[in-house]
């Protein structure tokens, strides 16, 4: 039961972080830019969207008691934390990347909880 609740929290976190990645892309495209520039220039948008999608899928798999749900969510969490590290290494202001690092570490902690609890 606790594992499914953790999966639900992971699903919610993934949805929220995913919307935070998709919304700026939509705004950039609405202003006349093409989709490839919005996603890949800089590549933070595509990394954020893919990692959030993995967290969403992993959270759903955990809720549905499917195999490898925790691993999928953990991969998405690690990618999200790596995004913050890449932004920090690129020399960006700490106000831009600190949220990604904090949410990534929180998601990794949630993934560790999911992975350590038995699937019933």
N, C-alpha and C. Protein backbone atom coordinates (compact mmCIF):
# COMPACT_ATOMS: atom_id res chain seq x y z
N UNK A 1 0.82 -1.20 0.00
CA UNK A 1 0.00 0.00 0.00
C UNK A 1 0.86 1.26 0.00
N UNK A 2 1.91 1.25 0.83
CA UNK A 2 2.78 2.43 0.90
C UNK A 2 3.51 2.61 -0.43
N UNK A 3 3.84 1.50 -1.08
CA UNK A 3 4.51 1.57 -2.38
C UNK A 3 3.62 2.23 -3.42
N UNK A 4 2.33 1.92 -3.40
CA UNK A 4 1.41 2.54 -4.36
C UNK A 4 1.21 4.02 -4.07
N UNK A 5 1.21 4.39 -2.79
CA UNK A 5 1.11 5.81 -2.44
C UNK A 5 2.36 6.55 -2.91
N UNK A 6 3.52 5.93 -2.74
CA UNK A 6 4.76 6.54 -3.24
C UNK A 6 4.73 6.64 -4.76
N UNK A 7 4.15 5.64 -5.43
CA UNK A 7 3.99 5.71 -6.88
C UNK A 7 3.06 6.84 -7.29
N UNK A 8 2.01 7.06 -6.51
CA UNK A 8 1.09 8.17 -6.78
C UNK A 8 1.78 9.51 -6.61
N UNK A 9 2.62 9.62 -5.58
CA UNK A 9 3.38 10.86 -5.38
C UNK A 9 4.36 11.06 -6.54
N UNK A 10 4.99 9.97 -6.99
CA UNK A 10 5.91 10.06 -8.13
C UNK A 10 5.16 10.48 -9.39
N UNK A 11 3.97 9.94 -9.59
CA UNK A 11 3.15 10.33 -10.73
C UNK A 11 2.82 11.82 -10.66
N UNK A 12 2.41 12.29 -9.50
CA UNK A 12 2.09 13.71 -9.35
C UNK A 12 3.30 14.60 -9.57
N UNK A 13 4.44 14.21 -9.02
CA UNK A 13 5.67 14.98 -9.22
C UNK A 13 6.07 15.00 -10.68
N UNK A 14 5.96 13.85 -11.34
CA UNK A 14 6.28 13.79 -12.77
C UNK A 14 5.36 14.66 -13.61
N UNK A 15 4.06 14.64 -13.29
CA UNK A 15 3.12 15.47 -14.04
C UNK A 15 3.42 16.96 -13.84
N UNK A 16 3.73 17.33 -12.61
CA UNK A 16 4.01 18.73 -12.32
C UNK A 16 5.30 19.19 -13.00
N UNK A 17 6.35 18.36 -12.92
CA UNK A 17 7.61 18.72 -13.56
C UNK A 17 7.48 18.67 -15.08
N UNK A 18 6.66 17.74 -15.57
CA UNK A 18 6.42 17.67 -17.02
C UNK A 18 5.72 18.92 -17.54
N UNK A 19 4.72 19.38 -16.79
CA UNK A 19 4.04 20.61 -17.21
C UNK A 19 5.01 21.79 -17.17
N UNK A 20 5.91 21.79 -16.18
CA UNK A 20 6.92 22.84 -16.11
C UNK A 20 7.89 22.81 -17.28
N UNK A 21 8.01 21.66 -17.94
CA UNK A 21 8.86 21.56 -19.12
C UNK A 21 8.11 21.83 -20.41
N UNK A 22 6.84 21.42 -20.47
CA UNK A 22 6.06 21.57 -21.69
C UNK A 22 5.55 23.01 -21.86
N UNK A 23 5.18 23.65 -20.76
CA UNK A 23 4.60 24.99 -20.85
C UNK A 23 5.54 26.01 -21.51
N UNK A 24 6.82 26.10 -21.13
CA UNK A 24 7.69 27.04 -21.83
C UNK A 24 7.87 26.72 -23.32
N UNK A 25 7.88 25.44 -23.65
CA UNK A 25 8.00 25.05 -25.06
C UNK A 25 6.79 25.54 -25.83
N UNK A 26 5.61 25.39 -25.25
CA UNK A 26 4.39 25.87 -25.90
C UNK A 26 4.42 27.38 -26.10
N UNK A 27 4.90 28.10 -25.12
CA UNK A 27 4.99 29.56 -25.23
C UNK A 27 5.96 29.96 -26.34
N UNK A 28 7.11 29.30 -26.39
CA UNK A 28 8.11 29.62 -27.41
C UNK A 28 7.56 29.32 -28.81
N UNK A 29 6.85 28.20 -28.96
CA UNK A 29 6.29 27.85 -30.26
C UNK A 29 5.17 28.82 -30.65
N UNK A 30 4.36 29.25 -29.68
CA UNK A 30 3.30 30.22 -29.96
C UNK A 30 3.87 31.56 -30.44
N UNK A 31 5.05 31.88 -30.01
CA UNK A 31 5.67 33.16 -30.40
C UNK A 31 6.38 33.08 -31.75
N UNK A 32 6.27 31.94 -32.43
CA UNK A 32 6.78 31.86 -33.79
C UNK A 32 8.01 31.02 -34.00
N UNK A 33 8.59 30.49 -32.96
CA UNK A 33 9.77 29.64 -33.12
C UNK A 33 9.32 28.24 -33.53
N UNK A 34 10.22 27.50 -34.15
CA UNK A 34 9.86 26.14 -34.50
C UNK A 34 10.10 25.21 -33.32
N UNK A 35 9.51 24.03 -33.38
CA UNK A 35 9.54 23.10 -32.26
C UNK A 35 10.95 22.60 -31.95
N UNK A 36 11.75 22.37 -32.97
CA UNK A 36 13.10 21.86 -32.72
C UNK A 36 13.95 22.88 -31.95
N UNK A 37 13.81 24.16 -32.27
CA UNK A 37 14.53 25.18 -31.51
C UNK A 37 14.03 25.26 -30.08
N UNK A 38 12.73 25.12 -29.89
CA UNK A 38 12.17 25.19 -28.54
C UNK A 38 12.64 24.01 -27.69
N UNK A 39 12.82 22.85 -28.29
CA UNK A 39 13.22 21.66 -27.53
C UNK A 39 14.73 21.52 -27.36
N UNK A 40 15.49 21.87 -28.40
CA UNK A 40 16.91 21.54 -28.40
C UNK A 40 17.86 22.72 -28.27
N UNK A 41 17.35 23.92 -28.14
CA UNK A 41 18.24 25.07 -28.07
C UNK A 41 17.88 25.94 -26.88
N UNK A 42 18.37 25.76 -25.72
CA UNK A 42 19.28 24.73 -25.22
C UNK A 42 18.53 23.42 -24.99
N UNK A 43 19.25 22.32 -24.84
CA UNK A 43 18.60 21.01 -24.75
C UNK A 43 17.97 20.71 -23.39
N UNK A 44 17.87 21.69 -22.52
CA UNK A 44 17.29 21.43 -21.20
C UNK A 44 15.81 21.06 -21.29
N UNK A 45 15.09 21.60 -22.26
CA UNK A 45 13.66 21.30 -22.36
C UNK A 45 13.43 19.83 -22.68
N UNK A 46 14.14 19.29 -23.63
CA UNK A 46 13.91 17.90 -24.02
C UNK A 46 14.33 16.95 -22.91
N UNK A 47 15.41 17.26 -22.21
CA UNK A 47 15.84 16.41 -21.09
C UNK A 47 14.80 16.44 -19.99
N UNK A 48 14.28 17.62 -19.69
CA UNK A 48 13.27 17.76 -18.65
C UNK A 48 11.99 17.01 -19.01
N UNK A 49 11.55 17.11 -20.26
CA UNK A 49 10.32 16.44 -20.69
C UNK A 49 10.49 14.93 -20.68
N UNK A 50 11.62 14.43 -21.16
CA UNK A 50 11.84 12.98 -21.19
C UNK A 50 11.95 12.43 -19.77
N UNK A 51 12.68 13.10 -18.90
CA UNK A 51 12.82 12.59 -17.54
C UNK A 51 11.48 12.64 -16.81
N UNK A 52 10.69 13.68 -17.00
CA UNK A 52 9.37 13.73 -16.37
C UNK A 52 8.45 12.65 -16.92
N UNK A 53 8.55 12.37 -18.23
CA UNK A 53 7.73 11.31 -18.83
C UNK A 53 8.10 9.96 -18.23
N UNK A 54 9.39 9.71 -18.01
CA UNK A 54 9.81 8.46 -17.38
C UNK A 54 9.29 8.36 -15.94
N UNK A 55 9.28 9.48 -15.24
CA UNK A 55 8.75 9.49 -13.88
C UNK A 55 7.25 9.22 -13.88
N UNK A 56 6.53 9.78 -14.84
CA UNK A 56 5.09 9.54 -14.95
C UNK A 56 4.81 8.08 -15.25
N UNK A 57 5.49 7.53 -16.24
CA UNK A 57 5.28 6.12 -16.61
C UNK A 57 5.67 5.21 -15.44
N UNK A 58 6.78 5.49 -14.80
CA UNK A 58 7.20 4.69 -13.66
C UNK A 58 6.21 4.76 -12.51
N UNK A 59 5.70 5.95 -12.22
CA UNK A 59 4.70 6.09 -11.17
C UNK A 59 3.43 5.32 -11.48
N UNK A 60 2.99 5.37 -12.74
CA UNK A 60 1.81 4.59 -13.15
C UNK A 60 2.05 3.10 -13.02
N UNK A 61 3.25 2.67 -13.41
CA UNK A 61 3.58 1.25 -13.32
C UNK A 61 3.59 0.78 -11.86
N UNK A 62 4.08 1.63 -10.97
CA UNK A 62 4.10 1.27 -9.54
C UNK A 62 2.67 1.19 -9.01
N UNK A 63 1.83 2.14 -9.38
CA UNK A 63 0.44 2.12 -8.93
C UNK A 63 -0.26 0.86 -9.41
N UNK A 64 0.01 0.46 -10.65
CA UNK A 64 -0.63 -0.71 -11.24
C UNK A 64 0.08 -2.02 -10.88
N UNK A 65 1.11 -1.93 -10.03
CA UNK A 65 1.88 -3.09 -9.56
C UNK A 65 2.56 -3.84 -10.70
N UNK A 66 2.98 -3.11 -11.71
CA UNK A 66 3.69 -3.71 -12.84
C UNK A 66 5.17 -3.84 -12.48
N UNK A 67 5.83 -4.74 -13.18
CA UNK A 67 7.26 -4.93 -12.95
C UNK A 67 8.05 -3.76 -13.51
N UNK A 68 9.17 -3.48 -12.89
CA UNK A 68 10.15 -2.48 -13.32
C UNK A 68 9.65 -1.04 -13.23
N UNK A 69 8.53 -0.79 -12.57
CA UNK A 69 8.02 0.57 -12.42
C UNK A 69 8.97 1.44 -11.61
N UNK A 70 9.49 0.89 -10.53
CA UNK A 70 10.42 1.64 -9.70
C UNK A 70 11.71 1.97 -10.45
N UNK A 71 12.15 1.06 -11.28
CA UNK A 71 13.38 1.29 -12.04
C UNK A 71 13.17 2.38 -13.10
N UNK A 72 12.03 2.37 -13.75
CA UNK A 72 11.73 3.39 -14.75
C UNK A 72 11.65 4.76 -14.07
N UNK A 73 10.97 4.83 -12.94
CA UNK A 73 10.87 6.09 -12.20
C UNK A 73 12.25 6.55 -11.72
N UNK A 74 13.08 5.61 -11.29
CA UNK A 74 14.43 5.97 -10.83
C UNK A 74 15.27 6.53 -11.97
N UNK A 75 15.16 5.95 -13.15
CA UNK A 75 15.91 6.46 -14.30
C UNK A 75 15.48 7.89 -14.63
N UNK A 76 14.17 8.14 -14.61
CA UNK A 76 13.69 9.49 -14.85
C UNK A 76 14.16 10.47 -13.79
N UNK A 77 14.18 10.02 -12.54
CA UNK A 77 14.65 10.88 -11.44
C UNK A 77 16.12 11.21 -11.58
N UNK A 78 16.91 10.21 -11.95
CA UNK A 78 18.35 10.44 -12.12
C UNK A 78 18.60 11.40 -13.28
N UNK A 79 17.87 11.22 -14.38
CA UNK A 79 18.02 12.15 -15.51
C UNK A 79 17.67 13.58 -15.09
N UNK A 80 16.62 13.71 -14.28
CA UNK A 80 16.22 15.05 -13.85
C UNK A 80 17.28 15.69 -12.96
N UNK A 81 17.88 14.90 -12.07
CA UNK A 81 18.95 15.42 -11.22
C UNK A 81 20.18 15.76 -12.06
N UNK A 82 20.47 14.94 -13.07
CA UNK A 82 21.61 15.22 -13.95
C UNK A 82 21.38 16.53 -14.71
N UNK A 83 20.13 16.82 -15.06
CA UNK A 83 19.81 18.07 -15.74
C UNK A 83 20.27 19.27 -14.91
N UNK A 84 19.97 19.24 -13.62
CA UNK A 84 20.43 20.33 -12.75
C UNK A 84 21.94 20.42 -12.70
N UNK A 85 22.62 19.27 -12.65
CA UNK A 85 24.08 19.27 -12.66
C UNK A 85 24.65 19.82 -13.94
N UNK A 86 24.04 19.46 -15.07
CA UNK A 86 24.51 19.98 -16.36
C UNK A 86 24.32 21.49 -16.46
N UNK A 87 23.20 21.96 -15.92
CA UNK A 87 22.97 23.40 -15.93
C UNK A 87 24.00 24.12 -15.05
N UNK A 88 24.33 23.52 -13.93
CA UNK A 88 25.32 24.13 -13.03
C UNK A 88 26.69 24.14 -13.69
N UNK A 89 27.06 23.05 -14.36
CA UNK A 89 28.35 22.98 -15.03
C UNK A 89 28.46 23.93 -16.21
N UNK A 90 27.32 24.28 -16.81
CA UNK A 90 27.35 25.21 -17.94
C UNK A 90 27.56 26.65 -17.50
N UNK A 91 27.54 26.90 -16.20
CA UNK A 91 27.78 28.24 -15.70
C UNK A 91 26.53 29.06 -15.51
N UNK A 92 25.37 28.41 -15.53
CA UNK A 92 24.11 29.13 -15.33
C UNK A 92 24.01 29.61 -13.88
N UNK A 93 23.22 30.64 -13.69
CA UNK A 93 22.99 31.17 -12.36
C UNK A 93 22.34 30.10 -11.48
N UNK A 94 22.68 30.10 -10.21
CA UNK A 94 22.16 29.05 -9.32
C UNK A 94 20.64 29.10 -9.17
N UNK A 95 20.05 30.25 -9.39
CA UNK A 95 18.60 30.35 -9.34
C UNK A 95 17.91 29.57 -10.44
N UNK A 96 18.63 29.30 -11.53
CA UNK A 96 18.05 28.56 -12.64
C UNK A 96 18.13 27.04 -12.44
N UNK A 97 19.16 26.56 -11.80
CA UNK A 97 19.35 25.11 -11.70
C UNK A 97 19.11 24.52 -10.32
N UNK A 98 19.01 25.35 -9.30
CA UNK A 98 18.86 24.82 -7.94
C UNK A 98 17.54 24.05 -7.77
N UNK A 99 16.46 24.52 -8.40
CA UNK A 99 15.18 23.80 -8.30
C UNK A 99 15.28 22.41 -8.91
N UNK A 100 15.95 22.31 -10.06
CA UNK A 100 16.09 21.01 -10.71
C UNK A 100 16.86 20.04 -9.82
N UNK A 101 17.90 20.51 -9.17
CA UNK A 101 18.69 19.64 -8.29
C UNK A 101 17.85 19.20 -7.09
N UNK A 102 17.12 20.12 -6.49
CA UNK A 102 16.31 19.79 -5.31
C UNK A 102 15.20 18.81 -5.68
N UNK A 103 14.46 19.10 -6.76
CA UNK A 103 13.40 18.19 -7.17
C UNK A 103 13.95 16.85 -7.64
N UNK A 104 15.10 16.87 -8.28
CA UNK A 104 15.73 15.63 -8.70
C UNK A 104 16.14 14.76 -7.51
N UNK A 105 16.71 15.39 -6.49
CA UNK A 105 17.08 14.63 -5.30
C UNK A 105 15.85 14.12 -4.55
N UNK A 106 14.79 14.91 -4.53
CA UNK A 106 13.54 14.45 -3.91
C UNK A 106 12.97 13.26 -4.68
N UNK A 107 13.02 13.33 -6.00
CA UNK A 107 12.51 12.23 -6.82
C UNK A 107 13.38 10.98 -6.66
N UNK A 108 14.69 11.17 -6.55
CA UNK A 108 15.58 10.03 -6.32
C UNK A 108 15.27 9.40 -4.96
N UNK A 109 15.04 10.21 -3.94
CA UNK A 109 14.68 9.67 -2.62
C UNK A 109 13.38 8.89 -2.69
N UNK A 110 12.41 9.41 -3.42
CA UNK A 110 11.14 8.71 -3.61
C UNK A 110 11.35 7.40 -4.37
N UNK A 111 12.23 7.42 -5.34
CA UNK A 111 12.54 6.20 -6.10
C UNK A 111 13.21 5.16 -5.22
N UNK A 112 14.09 5.59 -4.34
CA UNK A 112 14.74 4.66 -3.40
C UNK A 112 13.69 4.04 -2.49
N UNK A 113 12.73 4.84 -2.04
CA UNK A 113 11.65 4.30 -1.22
C UNK A 113 10.85 3.26 -1.99
N UNK A 114 10.52 3.56 -3.24
CA UNK A 114 9.76 2.61 -4.06
C UNK A 114 10.55 1.34 -4.29
N UNK A 115 11.84 1.49 -4.56
CA UNK A 115 12.66 0.31 -4.87
C UNK A 115 12.92 -0.56 -3.64
N UNK A 116 12.88 0.02 -2.45
CA UNK A 116 13.16 -0.78 -1.26
C UNK A 116 11.93 -1.47 -0.70
N UNK A 117 10.75 -0.99 -1.06
CA UNK A 117 9.53 -1.63 -0.57
C UNK A 117 9.16 -2.80 -1.48
N UNK A 118 8.66 -3.85 -0.88
CA UNK A 118 8.27 -5.03 -1.65
C UNK A 118 7.02 -4.77 -2.45
N UNK A 119 6.99 -5.37 -3.62
CA UNK A 119 5.79 -5.29 -4.47
C UNK A 119 4.84 -6.38 -3.99
N UNK A 120 3.64 -5.97 -3.58
CA UNK A 120 2.67 -6.95 -3.05
C UNK A 120 1.78 -7.50 -4.13
